[in-house]
Amino acid sequence: MFPVGGVGVMLVCVALSGVLCAFLAMLLRPRTGTVSALAIAALLWSVVVIGVVTLLPANGAPGVVYAEGRLATCSWDIGGPAPDGFWIFSGGQRLLNVVVFVPSGALLVVAAARWGRWAVATVPIGIALLAAYSVGIEWTQLELARIDRACDVTDVIDNVTGALIGVPVGLALAMIVRPWRGRSSRSHY
């Protein structure tokens, strides 16, 4: 039996990870500046939150999932049957799969913008890592039937779409908060 799950456990995990990421921001601030420290910590927190809401059972511990009830492969039905809504939020499942990755894409850009030209390479690599994270989540959902989640390739497409939508949002945010202002003269590359 998977021992934990449900909305309450998810919220506790989100809150605890938020506290740890706030502490990380305080540690990073002297080296990176306030904006970059907050962007890096918030990026990490957004990735943890995605993991929490996608890898913990939504409705409490589901108990035993017998081999006959377990999916053998991921669904390759692109745009296939998605539920009308999610258990906490209203709206389509596909929309939520997009929206949950937008902050990560935006924060990636703001965090990378501190390093100027390096951001040109860092952002595409970061997007590729977010895509790999989405694939890893779906693979975990397939392998761990006890978390009562389903593996679906459409989710990966939606997640990557969300991260890509976050890039222009992050560019606009970076122009407003200018994370490069926190650079010291020692940290120019």
C-alpha atoms as a PDB file:
ATOM      1  CA  MET A   1       0.000   0.000   0.000  1.00  0.00           C
ATOM      2  CA  PHE A   2       1.232   3.513  -0.786  1.00  0.00           C
ATOM      3  CA  PRO A   3       1.197   5.083   2.686  1.00  0.00           C
ATOM      4  CA  VAL A   4       0.392   8.729   1.910  1.00  0.00           C
ATOM      5  CA  GLY A   5      -1.788  10.814  -0.315  1.00  0.00           C
ATOM      6  CA  GLY A   6      -4.663  13.214  -0.523  1.00  0.00           C
ATOM      7  CA  VAL A   7      -5.016  16.963  -0.669  1.00  0.00           C
ATOM      8  CA  GLY A   8      -3.913  17.525   2.937  1.00  0.00           C
ATOM      9  CA  VAL A   9      -0.616  15.702   2.428  1.00  0.00           C
ATOM     10  CA  MET A  10      -0.034  17.572  -0.825  1.00  0.00           C
ATOM     11  CA  LEU A  11      -0.593  20.930   0.871  1.00  0.00           C
ATOM     12  CA  VAL A  12       1.786  20.063   3.717  1.00  0.00           C
ATOM     13  CA  CYS A  13       4.466  19.015   1.221  1.00  0.00           C
ATOM     14  CA  VAL A  14       3.964  22.202  -0.796  1.00  0.00           C
ATOM     15  CA  ALA A  15       4.203  24.360   2.346  1.00  0.00           C
ATOM     16  CA  LEU A  16       7.299  22.586   3.712  1.00  0.00           C
ATOM     17  CA  SER A  17       9.077  22.765   0.373  1.00  0.00           C
ATOM     18  CA  GLY A  18       8.156  26.463   0.170  1.00  0.00           C
ATOM     19  CA  VAL A  19       9.793  27.106   3.526  1.00  0.00           C
ATOM     20  CA  LEU A  20      12.939  25.239   2.456  1.00  0.00           C
ATOM     21  CA  CYS A  21      13.084  27.155  -0.828  1.00  0.00           C
ATOM     22  CA  ALA A  22      12.648  30.476   1.021  1.00  0.00           C
ATOM     23  CA  PHE A  23      15.633  29.482   3.175  1.00  0.00           C
ATOM     24  CA  LEU A  24      17.565  28.666  -0.007  1.00  0.00           C
ATOM     25  CA  ALA A  25      16.728  32.131  -1.375  1.00  0.00           C
ATOM     26  CA  MET A  26      18.149  33.697   1.786  1.00  0.00           C
ATOM     27  CA  LEU A  27      21.346  31.682   1.367  1.00  0.00           C
ATOM     28  CA  LEU A  28      21.700  32.609  -2.323  1.00  0.00           C
ATOM     29  CA  ARG A  29      20.902  36.305  -1.919  1.00  0.00           C
ATOM     30  CA  PRO A  30      24.422  37.526  -0.977  1.00  0.00           C
ATOM     31  CA  ARG A  31      25.942  35.740  -3.993  1.00  0.00           C
ATOM     32  CA  THR A  32      23.288  36.335  -6.659  1.00  0.00           C
ATOM     33  CA  GLY A  33      21.214  39.323  -5.583  1.00  0.00           C
ATOM     34  CA  THR A  34      17.642  39.319  -4.367  1.00  0.00           C
ATOM     35  CA  VAL A  35      15.844  38.874  -7.691  1.00  0.00           C
ATOM     36  CA  SER A  36      18.020  35.994  -8.879  1.00  0.00           C
ATOM     37  CA  ALA A  37      17.919  34.277  -5.485  1.00  0.00           C
ATOM     38  CA  LEU A  38      14.139  34.457  -5.446  1.00  0.00           C
ATOM     39  CA  ALA A  39      13.889  33.281  -9.066  1.00  0.00           C
ATOM     40  CA  ILE A  40      16.175  30.283  -8.486  1.00  0.00           C
ATOM     41  CA  ALA A  41      14.399  29.286  -5.264  1.00  0.00           C
ATOM     42  CA  ALA A  42      10.953  29.779  -6.820  1.00  0.00           C
ATOM     43  CA  LEU A  43      11.998  27.707  -9.863  1.00  0.00           C
ATOM     44  CA  LEU A  44      13.050  24.875  -7.575  1.00  0.00           C
ATOM     45  CA  TRP A  45       9.820  25.221  -5.603  1.00  0.00           C
ATOM     46  CA  SER A  46       7.702  25.130  -8.783  1.00  0.00           C
ATOM     47  CA  VAL A  47       9.418  21.900  -9.856  1.00  0.00           C
ATOM     48  CA  VAL A  48       8.847  20.346  -6.415  1.00  0.00           C
ATOM     49  CA  VAL A  49       5.181  21.391  -6.454  1.00  0.00           C
ATOM     50  CA  ILE A  50       4.747  19.753  -9.865  1.00  0.00           C
ATOM     51  CA  GLY A  51       6.224  16.547  -8.459  1.00  0.00           C
ATOM     52  CA  VAL A  52       3.982  16.670  -5.395  1.00  0.00           C
ATOM     53  CA  VAL A  53       0.725  17.180  -7.306  1.00  0.00           C
ATOM     54  CA  THR A  54       1.554  14.608  -9.976  1.00  0.00           C
ATOM     55  CA  LEU A  55       3.198  11.860  -7.943  1.00  0.00           C
ATOM     56  CA  LEU A  56       1.162  11.702  -4.755  1.00  0.00           C
ATOM     57  CA  PRO A  57      -2.187   9.912  -4.888  1.00  0.00           C
ATOM     58  CA  ALA A  58      -4.925  12.500  -5.311  1.00  0.00           C
ATOM     59  CA  ASN A  59      -7.531  10.850  -3.112  1.00  0.00           C
ATOM     60  CA  GLY A  60      -5.513   9.373  -0.263  1.00  0.00           C
ATOM     61  CA  ALA A  61      -3.672   6.076  -0.207  1.00  0.00           C
ATOM     62  CA  PRO A  62      -5.269   3.924  -2.944  1.00  0.00           C
ATOM     63  CA  GLY A  63      -4.294   0.597  -1.388  1.00  0.00           C
ATOM     64  CA  VAL A  64      -3.386  -2.366  -3.521  1.00  0.00           C
ATOM     65  CA  VAL A  65      -3.448  -2.140  -7.303  1.00  0.00           C
ATOM     66  CA  TYR A  66      -3.512  -5.658  -8.721  1.00  0.00           C
ATOM     67  CA  ALA A  67      -1.445  -6.546 -11.780  1.00  0.00           C
ATOM     68  CA  GLU A  68      -4.592  -7.030 -13.855  1.00  0.00           C
ATOM     69  CA  GLY A  69      -5.692  -3.455 -13.101  1.00  0.00           C
ATOM     70  CA  ARG A  70      -2.324  -1.902 -13.875  1.00  0.00           C
ATOM     71  CA  LEU A  71      -1.655  -0.294 -17.250  1.00  0.00           C
ATOM     72  CA  ALA A  72       1.114  -1.998 -19.223  1.00  0.00           C
ATOM     73  CA  THR A  73       2.031   1.028 -21.355  1.00  0.00           C
ATOM     74  CA  CYS A  74       1.491   4.755 -21.566  1.00  0.00           C
ATOM     75  CA  SER A  75      -1.469   6.036 -23.510  1.00  0.00           C
ATOM     76  CA  TRP A  76      -0.300   7.219 -26.922  1.00  0.00           C
ATOM     77  CA  ASP A  77      -3.723   8.631 -27.788  1.00  0.00           C
ATOM     78  CA  ILE A  78      -2.574  12.213 -28.426  1.00  0.00           C
ATOM     79  CA  GLY A  79      -5.249  14.545 -27.119  1.00  0.00           C
ATOM     80  CA  GLY A  80      -7.127  11.492 -25.961  1.00  0.00           C
ATOM     81  CA  PRO A  81      -9.692  11.110 -23.249  1.00  0.00           C
ATOM     82  CA  ALA A  82      -8.869  13.618 -20.520  1.00  0.00           C
ATOM     83  CA  PRO A  83     -11.228  14.194 -17.609  1.00  0.00           C
ATOM     84  CA  ASP A  84     -13.376  17.317 -17.649  1.00  0.00           C
ATOM     85  CA  GLY A  85     -11.750  18.661 -14.534  1.00  0.00           C
ATOM     86  CA  PHE A  86      -9.197  18.044 -11.870  1.00  0.00           C
ATOM     87  CA  TRP A  87     -10.030  17.078  -8.306  1.00  0.00           C
ATOM     88  CA  ILE A  88      -9.192  20.518  -6.863  1.00  0.00           C
ATOM     89  CA  PHE A  89      -9.472  22.926  -9.773  1.00  0.00           C
ATOM     90  CA  SER A  90     -12.195  23.323 -12.307  1.00  0.00           C
ATOM     91  CA  GLY A  91     -11.292  23.271 -15.969  1.00  0.00           C
ATOM     92  CA  GLY A  92      -9.949  20.694 -18.323  1.00  0.00           C
ATOM     93  CA  GLN A  93      -7.148  18.344 -17.356  1.00  0.00           C
ATOM     94  CA  ARG A  94      -5.180  19.317 -20.447  1.00  0.00           C
ATOM     95  CA  LEU A  95      -5.369  23.007 -19.595  1.00  0.00           C
ATOM     96  CA  LEU A  96      -4.125  22.264 -16.083  1.00  0.00           C
ATOM     97  CA  ASN A  97      -1.235  20.198 -17.469  1.00  0.00           C
ATOM     98  CA  VAL A  98      -0.212  23.258 -19.487  1.00  0.00           C
ATOM     99  CA  VAL A  99      -0.722  25.809 -16.705  1.00  0.00           C
ATOM    100  CA  VAL A 100       1.250  23.880 -14.079  1.00  0.00           C
ATOM    101  CA  PHE A 101       4.460  24.185 -16.139  1.00  0.00           C
ATOM    102  CA  VAL A 102       4.128  27.880 -17.120  1.00  0.00           C
ATOM    103  CA  PRO A 103       5.692  29.187 -13.861  1.00  0.00           C
ATOM    104  CA  SER A 104       8.675  26.860 -14.260  1.00  0.00           C
ATOM    105  CA  GLY A 105       9.328  28.112 -17.799  1.00  0.00           C
ATOM    106  CA  ALA A 106       8.988  31.750 -16.721  1.00  0.00           C
ATOM    107  CA  LEU A 107      11.156  31.376 -13.609  1.00  0.00           C
ATOM    108  CA  LEU A 108      13.787  29.528 -15.626  1.00  0.00           C
ATOM    109  CA  VAL A 109      14.153  32.580 -17.881  1.00  0.00           C
ATOM    110  CA  VAL A 110      14.275  35.034 -14.966  1.00  0.00           C
ATOM    111  CA  ALA A 111      16.853  32.891 -13.157  1.00  0.00           C
ATOM    112  CA  ALA A 112      18.988  32.488 -16.296  1.00  0.00           C
ATOM    113  CA  ALA A 113      18.757  36.173 -17.266  1.00  0.00           C
ATOM    114  CA  ARG A 114      21.194  37.049 -14.493  1.00  0.00           C
ATOM    115  CA  TRP A 115      24.015  35.501 -16.498  1.00  0.00           C
ATOM    116  CA  GLY A 116      23.396  37.462 -19.714  1.00  0.00           C
ATOM    117  CA  ARG A 117      24.661  35.626 -22.786  1.00  0.00           C
ATOM    118  CA  TRP A 118      24.751  32.313 -20.943  1.00  0.00           C
ATOM    119  CA  ALA A 119      20.953  32.485 -20.768  1.00  0.00           C
ATOM    120  CA  VAL A 120      20.816  31.853 -24.525  1.00  0.00           C
ATOM    121  CA  ALA A 121      22.173  28.349 -23.873  1.00  0.00           C
ATOM    122  CA  THR A 122      20.758  27.879 -20.372  1.00  0.00           C
ATOM    123  CA  VAL A 123      17.098  28.419 -21.262  1.00  0.00           C
ATOM    124  CA  PRO A 124      16.899  25.759 -24.038  1.00  0.00           C
ATOM    125  CA  ILE A 125      18.793  23.313 -21.814  1.00  0.00           C
ATOM    126  CA  GLY A 126      16.407  24.139 -18.959  1.00  0.00           C
ATOM    127  CA  ILE A 127      13.370  23.587 -21.194  1.00  0.00           C
ATOM    128  CA  ALA A 128      14.833  20.227 -22.261  1.00  0.00           C
ATOM    129  CA  LEU A 129      15.308  19.328 -18.578  1.00  0.00           C
ATOM    130  CA  LEU A 130      11.703  20.314 -17.813  1.00  0.00           C
ATOM    131  CA  ALA A 131      10.591  18.089 -20.719  1.00  0.00           C
ATOM    132  CA  ALA A 132      12.713  15.235 -19.328  1.00  0.00           C
ATOM    133  CA  TYR A 133      11.157  15.853 -15.891  1.00  0.00           C
ATOM    134  CA  SER A 134       7.691  15.532 -17.433  1.00  0.00           C
ATOM    135  CA  VAL A 135       8.705  12.265 -19.135  1.00  0.00           C
ATOM    136  CA  GLY A 136      10.103  11.041 -15.812  1.00  0.00           C
ATOM    137  CA  ILE A 137       6.845  11.844 -14.056  1.00  0.00           C
ATOM    138  CA  GLU A 138       4.825   9.939 -16.640  1.00  0.00           C
ATOM    139  CA  TRP A 139       7.202   6.971 -16.484  1.00  0.00           C
ATOM    140  CA  THR A 140       6.935   6.967 -12.675  1.00  0.00           C
ATOM    141  CA  GLN A 141       3.152   7.069 -12.934  1.00  0.00           C
ATOM    142  CA  LEU A 142       3.303   4.030 -15.207  1.00  0.00           C
ATOM    143  CA  GLU A 143       5.710   2.053 -13.041  1.00  0.00           C
ATOM    144  CA  LEU A 144       4.135   2.879  -9.673  1.00  0.00           C
ATOM    145  CA  ALA A 145       0.543   1.820 -10.137  1.00  0.00           C
ATOM    146  CA  ARG A 146       0.043   2.289  -6.400  1.00  0.00           C
ATOM    147  CA  ILE A 147      -0.020   6.062  -6.760  1.00  0.00           C
ATOM    148  CA  ASP A 148      -3.237   5.674  -8.763  1.00  0.00           C
ATOM    149  CA  ARG A 149      -2.135   7.839 -11.687  1.00  0.00           C
ATOM    150  CA  ALA A 150      -2.089   7.151 -15.415  1.00  0.00           C
ATOM    151  CA  CYS A 151       0.760   7.615 -17.862  1.00  0.00           C
ATOM    152  CA  ASP A 152      -0.224   9.660 -20.910  1.00  0.00           C
ATOM    153  CA  VAL A 153       2.023  11.069 -23.654  1.00  0.00           C
ATOM    154  CA  THR A 154      -0.451  13.939 -24.106  1.00  0.00           C
ATOM    155  CA  ASP A 155       0.519  15.113 -20.612  1.00  0.00           C
ATOM    156  CA  VAL A 156       4.153  15.475 -21.719  1.00  0.00           C
ATOM    157  CA  ILE A 157       3.096  17.506 -24.762  1.00  0.00           C
ATOM    158  CA  ASP A 158       0.901  19.732 -22.596  1.00  0.00           C
ATOM    159  CA  ASN A 159       3.629  20.149 -19.940  1.00  0.00           C
ATOM    160  CA  VAL A 160       6.265  21.154 -22.500  1.00  0.00           C
ATOM    161  CA  THR A 161       3.764  23.534 -24.100  1.00  0.00           C
ATOM    162  CA  GLY A 162       3.284  25.163 -20.690  1.00  0.00           C
ATOM    163  CA  ALA A 163       7.033  25.523 -20.159  1.00  0.00           C
ATOM    164  CA  LEU A 164       7.385  27.082 -23.635  1.00  0.00           C
ATOM    165  CA  ILE A 165       4.532  29.517 -22.925  1.00  0.00           C
ATOM    166  CA  GLY A 166       6.427  30.467 -19.774  1.00  0.00           C
ATOM    167  CA  VAL A 167       9.481  31.590 -21.779  1.00  0.00           C
ATOM    168  CA  PRO A 168       7.987  34.831 -23.180  1.00  0.00           C
ATOM    169  CA  VAL A 169       6.316  35.446 -19.816  1.00  0.00           C
ATOM    170  CA  GLY A 170       9.760  35.095 -18.210  1.00  0.00           C
ATOM    171  CA  LEU A 171      11.309  37.427 -20.801  1.00  0.00           C
ATOM    172  CA  ALA A 172       8.741  40.099 -19.963  1.00  0.00           C
ATOM    173  CA  LEU A 173       9.275  39.549 -16.244  1.00  0.00           C
ATOM    174  CA  ALA A 174      13.051  39.726 -16.635  1.00  0.00           C
ATOM    175  CA  MET A 175      12.740  43.094 -18.388  1.00  0.00           C
ATOM    176  CA  ILE A 176      10.710  44.353 -15.436  1.00  0.00           C
ATOM    177  CA  VAL A 177      12.741  42.944 -12.501  1.00  0.00           C
ATOM    178  CA  ARG A 178      16.164  43.004 -14.239  1.00  0.00           C
ATOM    179  CA  PRO A 179      17.909  40.169 -12.375  1.00  0.00           C
ATOM    180  CA  TRP A 180      21.282  41.159 -13.814  1.00  0.00           C
ATOM    181  CA  ARG A 181      21.314  44.163 -11.460  1.00  0.00           C
ATOM    182  CA  GLY A 182      22.323  41.850  -8.610  1.00  0.00           C
ATOM    183  CA  ARG A 183      25.628  40.909 -10.264  1.00  0.00           C
ATOM    184  CA  SER A 184      28.753  41.927  -8.484  1.00  0.00           C
ATOM    185  CA  SER A 185      31.831  42.971 -10.427  1.00  0.00           C
ATOM    186  CA  ARG A 186      33.425  39.615  -9.515  1.00  0.00           C
ATOM    187  CA  SER A 187      30.691  37.565 -11.154  1.00  0.00           C
ATOM    188  CA  HIS A 188      30.890  38.818 -14.750  1.00  0.00           C
ATOM    189  CA  TYR A 189      31.537  35.975 -17.186  1.00  0.00           C
END
